[in-house]
Amino acid sequence: MRLKAHWFKPEQPRSAEQRASAIAFIVWRVARQMLDRMRKAGFDIDVGPPYFAFMREVLVFLVQCADRIAYARRAGDERAAFTTALVLRIADFFEENEGDLLGPAEAGSPGYRERFIDLFNELSAHYAEFGYGADGPDFAFRRYLGTRIEPLLPEKDRRWVLDQVMDIEAPEAVALVERGMDGVFSTEKRARRASALGAD
């Protein structure tokens, strides 16, 4: 998957909100790709509520990973501002996409935006117990994602989902997010590509 993760002028200062907006687009695409890959692997994730339930779980996981990566690059208030802005921007995506497909949320129940924010807040304390090192999220971190996705799938798929998520999908998704974070947080100019006329 190709990622556009470099600023036109990377040396210019960027706010936490600007970085978060760029990463929100990347993690949304990564989550969509993960869903598509699991469908191709034979897992049934239907269009409609199951689709968005899956996306919510994966995006909470990916935001937790992005937060850990941001911690390695920016400490204190900037990290908190980045993660807050990231959560709110992804919540906006849910409001737009889920609302377009499923219609307005039922009267008296939380809106699609609030559902994502509530889930993120609920699971943050759980994910905080897990480690994130040079190799990415640890075994427990990835396993927790698998256990969250497992009940969302049909019974026939539940036997295989932990292995698929932990060993294949989560590492691939996290690698893409790390690559995107590297680009969005970089302040170095990109090397110029050789022109089509000058390249051998």
N, C-alpha and C. Protein backbone atom coordinates (compact mmCIF):
# COMPACT_ATOMS: atom_id res chain seq x y z
N MET A 1 0.84 -1.19 0.00
CA MET A 1 0.00 0.00 0.00
C MET A 1 0.88 1.24 0.00
N ARG A 2 0.64 2.14 -0.93
CA ARG A 2 1.42 3.37 -1.00
C ARG A 2 0.85 4.41 -0.05
N LEU A 3 1.73 5.06 0.69
CA LEU A 3 1.32 6.09 1.63
C LEU A 3 1.90 7.43 1.22
N LYS A 4 1.08 8.46 1.20
CA LYS A 4 1.58 9.82 1.01
C LYS A 4 1.75 10.40 2.41
N ALA A 5 2.99 10.31 2.91
CA ALA A 5 3.21 10.65 4.32
C ALA A 5 4.29 11.70 4.50
N HIS A 6 4.59 12.46 3.45
CA HIS A 6 5.62 13.49 3.56
C HIS A 6 5.01 14.85 3.23
N TRP A 7 5.40 15.83 4.00
CA TRP A 7 4.94 17.20 3.75
C TRP A 7 5.66 17.77 2.53
N PHE A 8 5.00 18.69 1.84
CA PHE A 8 5.62 19.37 0.71
C PHE A 8 6.84 20.15 1.18
N LYS A 9 6.72 20.82 2.33
CA LYS A 9 7.86 21.54 2.93
C LYS A 9 8.03 21.02 4.36
N PRO A 10 8.72 19.90 4.53
CA PRO A 10 8.78 19.26 5.85
C PRO A 10 9.49 20.09 6.91
N GLU A 11 10.33 21.04 6.47
CA GLU A 11 11.06 21.84 7.46
C GLU A 11 10.17 22.87 8.15
N GLN A 12 8.99 23.16 7.60
CA GLN A 12 8.08 24.12 8.22
C GLN A 12 7.44 23.51 9.47
N PRO A 13 7.29 24.29 10.53
CA PRO A 13 6.66 23.76 11.75
C PRO A 13 5.22 23.31 11.48
N ARG A 14 4.83 22.20 12.11
CA ARG A 14 3.46 21.70 11.98
C ARG A 14 2.87 21.57 13.37
N SER A 15 1.60 21.89 13.48
CA SER A 15 0.94 21.75 14.77
C SER A 15 0.60 20.29 15.02
N ALA A 16 0.32 19.98 16.28
CA ALA A 16 -0.11 18.62 16.62
C ALA A 16 -1.38 18.26 15.86
N GLU A 17 -2.26 19.22 15.67
CA GLU A 17 -3.51 18.97 14.96
C GLU A 17 -3.27 18.67 13.49
N GLN A 18 -2.31 19.37 12.86
CA GLN A 18 -1.99 19.11 11.46
C GLN A 18 -1.41 17.70 11.30
N ARG A 19 -0.51 17.32 12.19
CA ARG A 19 0.06 15.98 12.12
C ARG A 19 -1.03 14.92 12.34
N ALA A 20 -1.91 15.18 13.30
CA ALA A 20 -2.98 14.23 13.60
C ALA A 20 -3.92 14.06 12.42
N SER A 21 -4.22 15.14 11.72
CA SER A 21 -5.12 15.05 10.57
C SER A 21 -4.51 14.17 9.48
N ALA A 22 -3.21 14.33 9.25
CA ALA A 22 -2.53 13.50 8.25
C ALA A 22 -2.52 12.04 8.67
N ILE A 23 -2.22 11.76 9.93
CA ILE A 23 -2.17 10.37 10.41
C ILE A 23 -3.56 9.75 10.44
N ALA A 24 -4.58 10.54 10.73
CA ALA A 24 -5.95 10.01 10.74
C ALA A 24 -6.30 9.42 9.38
N PHE A 25 -5.95 10.12 8.33
CA PHE A 25 -6.22 9.62 6.98
C PHE A 25 -5.46 8.31 6.73
N ILE A 26 -4.21 8.27 7.18
CA ILE A 26 -3.39 7.06 6.98
C ILE A 26 -3.97 5.88 7.75
N VAL A 27 -4.28 6.06 9.04
CA VAL A 27 -4.75 4.91 9.83
C VAL A 27 -6.12 4.44 9.35
N TRP A 28 -6.95 5.35 8.85
CA TRP A 28 -8.23 4.92 8.30
C TRP A 28 -8.00 4.01 7.10
N ARG A 29 -7.08 4.40 6.21
CA ARG A 29 -6.77 3.58 5.04
C ARG A 29 -6.16 2.23 5.45
N VAL A 30 -5.30 2.25 6.45
CA VAL A 30 -4.68 1.01 6.92
C VAL A 30 -5.73 0.06 7.49
N ALA A 31 -6.68 0.60 8.26
CA ALA A 31 -7.75 -0.23 8.82
C ALA A 31 -8.62 -0.82 7.72
N ARG A 32 -8.92 -0.01 6.69
CA ARG A 32 -9.70 -0.51 5.55
C ARG A 32 -8.95 -1.64 4.85
N GLN A 33 -7.64 -1.46 4.69
CA GLN A 33 -6.86 -2.51 4.04
C GLN A 33 -6.86 -3.79 4.86
N MET A 34 -6.76 -3.64 6.18
CA MET A 34 -6.77 -4.82 7.05
C MET A 34 -8.10 -5.57 6.91
N LEU A 35 -9.20 -4.83 6.86
CA LEU A 35 -10.50 -5.46 6.68
C LEU A 35 -10.55 -6.19 5.34
N ASP A 36 -10.08 -5.56 4.28
CA ASP A 36 -10.09 -6.18 2.95
C ASP A 36 -9.24 -7.44 2.93
N ARG A 37 -8.08 -7.39 3.59
CA ARG A 37 -7.19 -8.56 3.62
C ARG A 37 -7.85 -9.73 4.37
N MET A 38 -8.54 -9.41 5.45
CA MET A 38 -9.19 -10.48 6.20
C MET A 38 -10.35 -11.09 5.40
N ARG A 39 -11.06 -10.26 4.67
CA ARG A 39 -12.10 -10.80 3.80
C ARG A 39 -11.50 -11.73 2.75
N LYS A 40 -10.38 -11.32 2.15
CA LYS A 40 -9.73 -12.17 1.15
C LYS A 40 -9.22 -13.47 1.76
N ALA A 41 -8.90 -13.43 3.06
CA ALA A 41 -8.44 -14.65 3.75
C ALA A 41 -9.61 -15.55 4.15
N GLY A 42 -10.84 -15.13 3.85
CA GLY A 42 -12.00 -15.98 4.10
C GLY A 42 -12.83 -15.62 5.31
N PHE A 43 -12.51 -14.53 5.98
CA PHE A 43 -13.30 -14.11 7.14
C PHE A 43 -14.50 -13.29 6.67
N ASP A 44 -15.67 -13.61 7.22
CA ASP A 44 -16.90 -12.91 6.84
C ASP A 44 -17.09 -11.68 7.71
N ILE A 45 -16.93 -10.51 7.09
CA ILE A 45 -17.19 -9.24 7.77
C ILE A 45 -18.17 -8.49 6.88
N ASP A 46 -19.42 -8.54 7.24
CA ASP A 46 -20.48 -8.02 6.38
C ASP A 46 -20.49 -6.50 6.34
N VAL A 47 -20.98 -5.98 5.21
CA VAL A 47 -21.23 -4.54 5.11
C VAL A 47 -22.32 -4.18 6.11
N GLY A 48 -22.20 -3.01 6.71
CA GLY A 48 -23.19 -2.58 7.70
C GLY A 48 -22.58 -2.54 9.09
N PRO A 49 -23.37 -2.78 10.13
CA PRO A 49 -22.86 -2.70 11.50
C PRO A 49 -21.61 -3.54 11.76
N PRO A 50 -21.50 -4.81 11.24
CA PRO A 50 -20.27 -5.57 11.51
C PRO A 50 -19.02 -4.90 10.94
N TYR A 51 -19.16 -4.29 9.79
CA TYR A 51 -18.05 -3.58 9.15
C TYR A 51 -17.54 -2.47 10.07
N PHE A 52 -18.45 -1.65 10.58
CA PHE A 52 -18.04 -0.52 11.40
C PHE A 52 -17.59 -0.96 12.80
N ALA A 53 -18.16 -2.03 13.31
CA ALA A 53 -17.69 -2.56 14.60
C ALA A 53 -16.23 -3.01 14.47
N PHE A 54 -15.92 -3.69 13.37
CA PHE A 54 -14.54 -4.11 13.11
C PHE A 54 -13.63 -2.89 12.99
N MET A 55 -14.06 -1.91 12.21
CA MET A 55 -13.24 -0.70 12.00
C MET A 55 -12.98 0.02 13.32
N ARG A 56 -14.00 0.10 14.19
CA ARG A 56 -13.80 0.78 15.47
C ARG A 56 -12.72 0.09 16.29
N GLU A 57 -12.76 -1.24 16.37
CA GLU A 57 -11.77 -1.96 17.17
C GLU A 57 -10.36 -1.78 16.60
N VAL A 58 -10.23 -1.91 15.29
CA VAL A 58 -8.91 -1.78 14.67
C VAL A 58 -8.38 -0.37 14.82
N LEU A 59 -9.25 0.62 14.67
CA LEU A 59 -8.78 2.01 14.76
C LEU A 59 -8.42 2.40 16.19
N VAL A 60 -9.12 1.89 17.18
CA VAL A 60 -8.68 2.13 18.56
C VAL A 60 -7.28 1.56 18.75
N PHE A 61 -7.07 0.35 18.27
CA PHE A 61 -5.74 -0.28 18.36
C PHE A 61 -4.68 0.55 17.66
N LEU A 62 -4.95 0.99 16.43
CA LEU A 62 -3.96 1.75 15.67
C LEU A 62 -3.68 3.12 16.28
N VAL A 63 -4.71 3.74 16.86
CA VAL A 63 -4.48 5.02 17.54
C VAL A 63 -3.61 4.80 18.77
N GLN A 64 -3.83 3.70 19.49
CA GLN A 64 -2.97 3.39 20.63
C GLN A 64 -1.52 3.22 20.17
N CYS A 65 -1.33 2.57 19.04
CA CYS A 65 0.03 2.41 18.50
C CYS A 65 0.62 3.76 18.10
N ALA A 66 -0.18 4.59 17.42
CA ALA A 66 0.29 5.91 17.02
C ALA A 66 0.67 6.76 18.23
N ASP A 67 -0.09 6.62 19.30
CA ASP A 67 0.21 7.35 20.53
C ASP A 67 1.56 6.93 21.10
N ARG A 68 1.84 5.62 21.08
CA ARG A 68 3.13 5.14 21.58
C ARG A 68 4.27 5.62 20.70
N ILE A 69 4.05 5.63 19.39
CA ILE A 69 5.08 6.13 18.47
C ILE A 69 5.31 7.61 18.70
N ALA A 70 4.23 8.36 18.89
CA ALA A 70 4.34 9.80 19.16
C ALA A 70 5.11 10.05 20.45
N TYR A 71 4.93 9.18 21.42
CA TYR A 71 5.64 9.33 22.69
C TYR A 71 7.15 9.28 22.48
N ALA A 72 7.59 8.46 21.53
CA ALA A 72 9.02 8.37 21.24
C ALA A 72 9.54 9.61 20.53
N ARG A 73 8.63 10.40 19.96
CA ARG A 73 9.04 11.58 19.20
C ARG A 73 8.72 12.90 19.90
N ARG A 74 7.61 12.95 20.60
CA ARG A 74 7.16 14.18 21.26
C ARG A 74 6.65 13.84 22.65
N ALA A 75 7.15 14.51 23.65
CA ALA A 75 6.73 14.24 25.03
C ALA A 75 5.70 15.29 25.47
N GLY A 76 5.04 15.00 26.57
CA GLY A 76 4.21 15.99 27.25
C GLY A 76 3.00 16.44 26.48
N ASP A 77 2.76 17.76 26.51
CA ASP A 77 1.53 18.31 25.97
C ASP A 77 1.36 18.06 24.48
N GLU A 78 2.44 18.07 23.72
CA GLU A 78 2.30 17.89 22.28
C GLU A 78 1.80 16.49 21.95
N ARG A 79 2.29 15.51 22.67
CA ARG A 79 1.80 14.14 22.45
C ARG A 79 0.31 14.06 22.79
N ALA A 80 -0.08 14.62 23.92
CA ALA A 80 -1.49 14.57 24.32
C ALA A 80 -2.36 15.30 23.31
N ALA A 81 -1.90 16.46 22.83
CA ALA A 81 -2.67 17.21 21.84
C ALA A 81 -2.78 16.43 20.54
N PHE A 82 -1.70 15.77 20.13
CA PHE A 82 -1.70 14.96 18.91
C PHE A 82 -2.72 13.83 19.02
N THR A 83 -2.67 13.07 20.11
CA THR A 83 -3.54 11.90 20.25
C THR A 83 -5.00 12.32 20.36
N THR A 84 -5.27 13.39 21.11
CA THR A 84 -6.64 13.89 21.22
C THR A 84 -7.18 14.30 19.85
N ALA A 85 -6.37 15.05 19.09
CA ALA A 85 -6.81 15.48 17.76
C ALA A 85 -6.99 14.30 16.83
N LEU A 86 -6.15 13.28 16.97
CA LEU A 86 -6.26 12.08 16.14
C LEU A 86 -7.58 11.35 16.41
N VAL A 87 -7.90 11.17 17.68
CA VAL A 87 -9.15 10.50 18.06
C VAL A 87 -10.35 11.27 17.52
N LEU A 88 -10.34 12.58 17.66
CA LEU A 88 -11.48 13.39 17.23
C LEU A 88 -11.63 13.38 15.71
N ARG A 89 -10.50 13.38 14.98
CA ARG A 89 -10.60 13.35 13.52
C ARG A 89 -11.14 12.01 13.03
N ILE A 90 -10.69 10.92 13.62
CA ILE A 90 -11.20 9.60 13.23
C ILE A 90 -12.68 9.49 13.61
N ALA A 91 -13.05 10.05 14.74
CA ALA A 91 -14.47 10.06 15.13
C ALA A 91 -15.30 10.79 14.07
N ASP A 92 -14.75 11.85 13.50
CA ASP A 92 -15.44 12.56 12.41
C ASP A 92 -15.64 11.63 11.21
N PHE A 93 -14.61 10.83 10.89
CA PHE A 93 -14.73 9.89 9.77
C PHE A 93 -15.89 8.91 10.00
N PHE A 94 -16.02 8.44 11.24
CA PHE A 94 -17.13 7.53 11.54
C PHE A 94 -18.47 8.23 11.37
N GLU A 95 -18.56 9.45 11.84
CA GLU A 95 -19.82 10.19 11.70
C GLU A 95 -20.20 10.33 10.23
N GLU A 96 -19.21 10.63 9.38
CA GLU A 96 -19.47 10.81 7.96
C GLU A 96 -19.79 9.48 7.28
N ASN A 97 -18.94 8.49 7.46
CA ASN A 97 -19.07 7.23 6.72
C ASN A 97 -20.20 6.34 7.24
N GLU A 98 -20.26 6.18 8.55
CA GLU A 98 -21.29 5.33 9.13
C GLU A 98 -22.67 5.95 8.95
N GLY A 99 -22.72 7.26 9.11
CA GLY A 99 -23.99 7.96 8.91
C GLY A 99 -24.47 7.85 7.48
N ASP A 100 -23.55 7.97 6.51
CA ASP A 100 -23.94 7.87 5.10
C ASP A 100 -24.49 6.48 4.78
N LEU A 101 -23.89 5.44 5.34
CA LEU A 101 -24.29 4.08 5.00
C LEU A 101 -25.51 3.61 5.80
N LEU A 102 -25.53 3.92 7.09
CA LEU A 102 -26.56 3.36 7.97
C LEU A 102 -27.67 4.34 8.33
N GLY A 103 -27.49 5.60 7.96
CA GLY A 103 -28.47 6.61 8.34
C GLY A 103 -28.18 7.12 9.74
N PRO A 104 -28.99 8.05 10.23
CA PRO A 104 -28.76 8.62 11.56
C PRO A 104 -28.80 7.56 12.65
N ALA A 105 -28.03 7.79 13.71
CA ALA A 105 -28.07 6.89 14.86
C ALA A 105 -29.47 6.93 15.49
N GLU A 106 -29.83 5.82 16.13
CA GLU A 106 -31.16 5.74 16.75
C GLU A 106 -31.32 6.82 17.81
N ALA A 107 -32.51 7.35 17.89
CA ALA A 107 -32.81 8.38 18.89
C ALA A 107 -32.53 7.84 20.30
N GLY A 108 -31.86 8.66 21.09
CA GLY A 108 -31.56 8.27 22.46
C GLY A 108 -30.28 7.48 22.63
N SER A 109 -29.65 7.07 21.52
CA SER A 109 -28.38 6.35 21.61
C SER A 109 -27.24 7.26 21.16
N PRO A 110 -26.00 6.96 21.58
CA PRO A 110 -24.88 7.82 21.18
C PRO A 110 -24.73 7.86 19.65
N GLY A 111 -24.29 8.99 19.13
CA GLY A 111 -24.03 9.11 17.70
C GLY A 111 -22.79 8.31 17.33
N TYR A 112 -22.54 8.18 16.04
CA TYR A 112 -21.41 7.39 15.57
C TYR A 112 -20.08 8.00 16.03
N ARG A 113 -20.01 9.30 16.07
CA ARG A 113 -18.79 9.98 16.54
C ARG A 113 -18.54 9.64 18.01
N GLU A 114 -19.58 9.74 18.81
CA GLU A 114 -19.46 9.49 20.24
C GLU A 114 -19.12 8.03 20.52
N ARG A 115 -19.64 7.11 19.69
CA ARG A 115 -19.35 5.69 19.92
C ARG A 115 -17.86 5.40 19.82
N PHE A 116 -17.22 6.02 18.84
CA PHE A 116 -15.78 5.78 18.72
C PHE A 116 -15.02 6.41 19.89
N ILE A 117 -15.38 7.62 20.24
CA ILE A 117 -14.69 8.29 21.35
C ILE A 117 -14.90 7.50 22.65
N ASP A 118 -16.12 7.05 22.89
CA ASP A 118 -16.41 6.27 24.10
C ASP A 118 -15.62 4.98 24.13
N LEU A 119 -15.54 4.29 22.98
CA LEU A 119 -14.79 3.03 22.94
C LEU A 119 -13.30 3.29 23.17
N PHE A 120 -12.78 4.34 22.55
CA PHE A 120 -11.36 4.67 22.77
C PHE A 120 -11.10 4.92 24.25
N ASN A 121 -11.94 5.72 24.88
CA ASN A 121 -11.75 6.02 26.30
C ASN A 121 -11.87 4.76 27.16
N GLU A 122 -12.81 3.89 26.82
CA GLU A 122 -13.00 2.66 27.59
C GLU A 122 -11.79 1.74 27.50
N LEU A 123 -11.21 1.61 26.29
CA LEU A 123 -10.14 0.64 26.09
C LEU A 123 -8.75 1.19 26.37
N SER A 124 -8.61 2.49 26.50
CA SER A 124 -7.29 3.08 26.70
C SER A 124 -6.59 2.53 27.93
N ALA A 125 -7.35 2.37 29.02
CA ALA A 125 -6.75 1.85 30.25
C ALA A 125 -6.28 0.41 30.06
N HIS A 126 -6.99 -0.36 29.25
CA HIS A 126 -6.60 -1.75 28.99
C HIS A 126 -5.31 -1.78 28.18
N TYR A 127 -5.29 -1.02 27.08
CA TYR A 127 -4.10 -1.01 26.23
C TYR A 127 -2.88 -0.43 26.95
N ALA A 128 -3.11 0.45 27.91
CA ALA A 128 -1.99 1.06 28.65
C ALA A 128 -1.18 0.02 29.42
N GLU A 129 -1.77 -1.14 29.69
CA GLU A 129 -1.07 -2.19 30.43
C GLU A 129 -0.09 -2.97 29.57
N PHE A 130 -0.16 -2.79 28.26
CA PHE A 130 0.66 -3.58 27.35
C PHE A 130 1.89 -2.81 26.89
N GLY A 131 2.90 -3.55 26.45
CA GLY A 131 4.16 -2.93 26.05
C GLY A 131 4.24 -2.65 24.56
N TYR A 132 5.04 -1.65 24.24
CA TYR A 132 5.31 -1.29 22.85
C TYR A 132 6.79 -0.97 22.76
N GLY A 133 7.53 -1.82 22.05
CA GLY A 133 8.97 -1.65 21.97
C GLY A 133 9.46 -1.41 20.56
N ALA A 134 10.72 -1.68 20.35
CA ALA A 134 11.33 -1.48 19.03
C ALA A 134 10.68 -2.35 17.97
N ASP A 135 10.13 -3.48 18.38
CA ASP A 135 9.46 -4.39 17.44
C ASP A 135 7.96 -4.14 17.35
N GLY A 136 7.50 -3.05 17.95
CA GLY A 136 6.07 -2.73 17.89
C GLY A 136 5.32 -3.24 19.09
N PRO A 137 4.01 -3.44 18.97
CA PRO A 137 3.19 -3.87 20.10
C PRO A 137 3.55 -5.29 20.53
N ASP A 138 3.58 -5.52 21.83
CA ASP A 138 3.97 -6.84 22.32
C ASP A 138 2.85 -7.86 22.13
N PHE A 139 3.12 -9.09 22.54
CA PHE A 139 2.19 -10.20 22.35
C PHE A 139 0.82 -9.88 22.94
N ALA A 140 0.79 -9.39 24.18
CA ALA A 140 -0.48 -9.11 24.86
C ALA A 140 -1.24 -7.99 24.15
N PHE A 141 -0.53 -7.00 23.67
CA PHE A 141 -1.12 -5.86 22.95
C PHE A 141 -1.87 -6.38 21.71
N ARG A 142 -1.19 -7.21 20.92
CA ARG A 142 -1.79 -7.76 19.70
C ARG A 142 -2.90 -8.76 20.03
N ARG A 143 -2.68 -9.55 21.07
CA ARG A 143 -3.69 -10.55 21.44
C ARG A 143 -4.98 -9.88 21.89
N TYR A 144 -4.86 -8.78 22.59
CA TYR A 144 -6.05 -8.09 23.05
C TYR A 144 -6.90 -7.63 21.86
N LEU A 145 -6.24 -7.12 20.82
CA LEU A 145 -6.98 -6.75 19.62
C LEU A 145 -7.72 -7.97 19.07
N GLY A 146 -7.02 -9.10 18.98
CA GLY A 146 -7.65 -10.31 18.48
C GLY A 146 -8.86 -10.72 19.29
N THR A 147 -8.77 -10.63 20.62
CA THR A 147 -9.89 -11.02 21.47
C THR A 147 -11.07 -10.04 21.34
N ARG A 148 -10.78 -8.81 20.98
CA ARG A 148 -11.84 -7.84 20.76
C ARG A 148 -12.57 -8.09 19.43
N ILE A 149 -11.81 -8.53 18.42
CA ILE A 149 -12.40 -8.78 17.10
C ILE A 149 -13.14 -10.12 17.07
N GLU A 150 -12.65 -11.09 17.83
CA GLU A 150 -13.20 -12.44 17.78
C GLU A 150 -14.73 -12.51 17.89
N PRO A 151 -15.36 -11.86 18.88
CA PRO A 151 -16.82 -11.98 19.00
C PRO A 151 -17.59 -11.25 17.91
N LEU A 152 -16.92 -10.44 17.12
CA LEU A 152 -17.59 -9.72 16.03
C LEU A 152 -17.80 -10.60 14.81
N LEU A 153 -17.11 -11.73 14.76
CA LEU A 153 -17.13 -12.59 13.57
C LEU A 153 -18.09 -13.76 13.75
N PRO A 154 -18.51 -14.37 12.62
CA PRO A 154 -19.34 -15.57 12.73
C PRO A 154 -18.60 -16.69 13.45
N GLU A 155 -19.33 -17.60 14.02
CA GLU A 155 -18.74 -18.70 14.80
C GLU A 155 -17.69 -19.45 14.00
N LYS A 156 -17.90 -19.68 12.72
CA LYS A 156 -16.98 -20.45 11.90
C LYS A 156 -15.60 -19.80 11.79
N ASP A 157 -15.52 -18.48 11.97
CA ASP A 157 -14.25 -17.75 11.81
C ASP A 157 -13.49 -17.56 13.12
N ARG A 158 -14.14 -17.80 14.24
CA ARG A 158 -13.54 -17.43 15.53
C ARG A 158 -12.34 -18.30 15.89
N ARG A 159 -12.31 -19.50 15.38
CA ARG A 159 -11.21 -20.42 15.71
C ARG A 159 -9.87 -19.92 15.17
N TRP A 160 -9.92 -19.18 14.05
CA TRP A 160 -8.69 -18.80 13.36
C TRP A 160 -8.31 -17.34 13.53
N VAL A 161 -9.21 -16.53 14.09
CA VAL A 161 -8.99 -15.09 14.03
C VAL A 161 -7.79 -14.62 14.85
N LEU A 162 -7.53 -15.22 16.01
CA LEU A 162 -6.41 -14.76 16.83
C LEU A 162 -5.09 -14.88 16.09
N ASP A 163 -4.86 -16.03 15.47
CA ASP A 163 -3.62 -16.20 14.72
C ASP A 163 -3.52 -15.21 13.57
N GLN A 164 -4.62 -15.03 12.84
CA GLN A 164 -4.61 -14.12 11.70
C GLN A 164 -4.30 -12.70 12.12
N VAL A 165 -4.95 -12.25 13.19
CA VAL A 165 -4.76 -10.87 13.65
C VAL A 165 -3.38 -10.69 14.26
N MET A 166 -2.98 -11.58 15.14
CA MET A 166 -1.74 -11.39 15.88
C MET A 166 -0.50 -11.56 15.02
N ASP A 167 -0.51 -12.55 14.13
CA ASP A 167 0.71 -12.91 13.40
C ASP A 167 0.81 -12.26 12.03
N ILE A 168 -0.33 -11.87 11.46
CA ILE A 168 -0.30 -11.36 10.08
C ILE A 168 -0.81 -9.92 10.00
N GLU A 169 -2.07 -9.71 10.39
CA GLU A 169 -2.70 -8.42 10.13
C GLU A 169 -2.16 -7.28 11.00
N ALA A 170 -2.05 -7.51 12.30
CA ALA A 170 -1.59 -6.43 13.18
C ALA A 170 -0.17 -6.00 12.86
N PRO A 171 0.79 -6.92 12.70
CA PRO A 171 2.16 -6.47 12.36
C PRO A 171 2.21 -5.69 11.05
N GLU A 172 1.46 -6.14 10.04
CA GLU A 172 1.45 -5.43 8.76
C GLU A 172 0.86 -4.03 8.91
N ALA A 173 -0.24 -3.92 9.64
CA ALA A 173 -0.88 -2.62 9.84
C ALA A 173 0.01 -1.68 10.63
N VAL A 174 0.63 -2.18 11.69
CA VAL A 174 1.49 -1.33 12.52
C VAL A 174 2.70 -0.86 11.73
N ALA A 175 3.26 -1.71 10.90
CA ALA A 175 4.41 -1.30 10.08
C ALA A 175 4.03 -0.13 9.17
N LEU A 176 2.83 -0.16 8.61
CA LEU A 176 2.38 0.94 7.76
C LEU A 176 2.18 2.22 8.57
N VAL A 177 1.62 2.09 9.76
CA VAL A 177 1.42 3.27 10.60
C VAL A 177 2.77 3.85 11.02
N GLU A 178 3.72 3.00 11.37
CA GLU A 178 5.05 3.50 11.73
C GLU A 178 5.69 4.23 10.57
N ARG A 179 5.52 3.69 9.37
CA ARG A 179 6.09 4.35 8.19
C ARG A 179 5.44 5.71 7.97
N GLY A 180 4.12 5.75 8.14
CA GLY A 180 3.42 7.02 8.02
C GLY A 180 3.84 8.02 9.07
N MET A 181 4.00 7.56 10.30
CA MET A 181 4.44 8.45 11.38
C MET A 181 5.83 8.98 11.12
N ASP A 182 6.71 8.12 10.60
CA ASP A 182 8.07 8.58 10.27
C ASP A 182 8.02 9.75 9.30
N GLY A 183 7.17 9.64 8.28
CA GLY A 183 7.07 10.70 7.29
C GLY A 183 6.43 11.96 7.84
N VAL A 184 5.34 11.81 8.58
CA VAL A 184 4.61 12.97 9.07
C VAL A 184 5.39 13.73 10.13
N PHE A 185 6.21 13.03 10.91
CA PHE A 185 6.99 13.69 11.95
C PHE A 185 8.38 14.11 11.47
N SER A 186 8.73 13.77 10.23
CA SER A 186 10.05 14.11 9.72
C SER A 186 10.15 15.61 9.41
N THR A 187 11.32 16.17 9.67
CA THR A 187 11.58 17.57 9.29
C THR A 187 12.67 17.65 8.23
N GLU A 188 13.05 16.51 7.68
CA GLU A 188 14.09 16.48 6.65
C GLU A 188 13.49 16.55 5.26
N LYS A 189 14.17 17.26 4.38
CA LYS A 189 13.72 17.34 3.00
C LYS A 189 13.89 15.98 2.34
N ARG A 190 12.93 15.63 1.49
CA ARG A 190 13.02 14.38 0.75
C ARG A 190 14.03 14.52 -0.38
N ALA A 191 14.71 13.43 -0.65
CA ALA A 191 15.63 13.43 -1.78
C ALA A 191 14.84 13.59 -3.07
N ARG A 192 15.35 14.41 -3.98
CA ARG A 192 14.67 14.62 -5.25
C ARG A 192 14.79 13.38 -6.12
N ARG A 193 13.69 13.07 -6.76
CA ARG A 193 13.71 11.95 -7.69
C ARG A 193 14.39 12.36 -8.98
N ALA A 194 15.06 11.41 -9.60
CA ALA A 194 15.66 11.69 -10.90
C ALA A 194 14.55 11.94 -11.91
N SER A 195 14.75 12.92 -12.76
CA SER A 195 13.72 13.21 -13.76
C SER A 195 13.65 12.08 -14.78
N ALA A 196 12.51 12.00 -15.42
CA ALA A 196 12.32 10.95 -16.40
C ALA A 196 13.30 11.08 -17.54
N LEU A 197 13.67 12.33 -17.86
CA LEU A 197 14.59 12.54 -18.98
C LEU A 197 16.03 12.21 -18.60
N GLY A 198 16.38 12.42 -17.34
CA GLY A 198 17.76 12.25 -16.94
C GLY A 198 18.10 10.88 -16.39
N ALA A 199 17.06 10.11 -16.05
CA ALA A 199 17.32 8.81 -15.42
C ALA A 199 17.74 7.77 -16.45
N ASP A 200 18.62 6.87 -16.04
CA ASP A 200 19.04 5.81 -16.94
C ASP A 200 18.13 4.61 -16.78
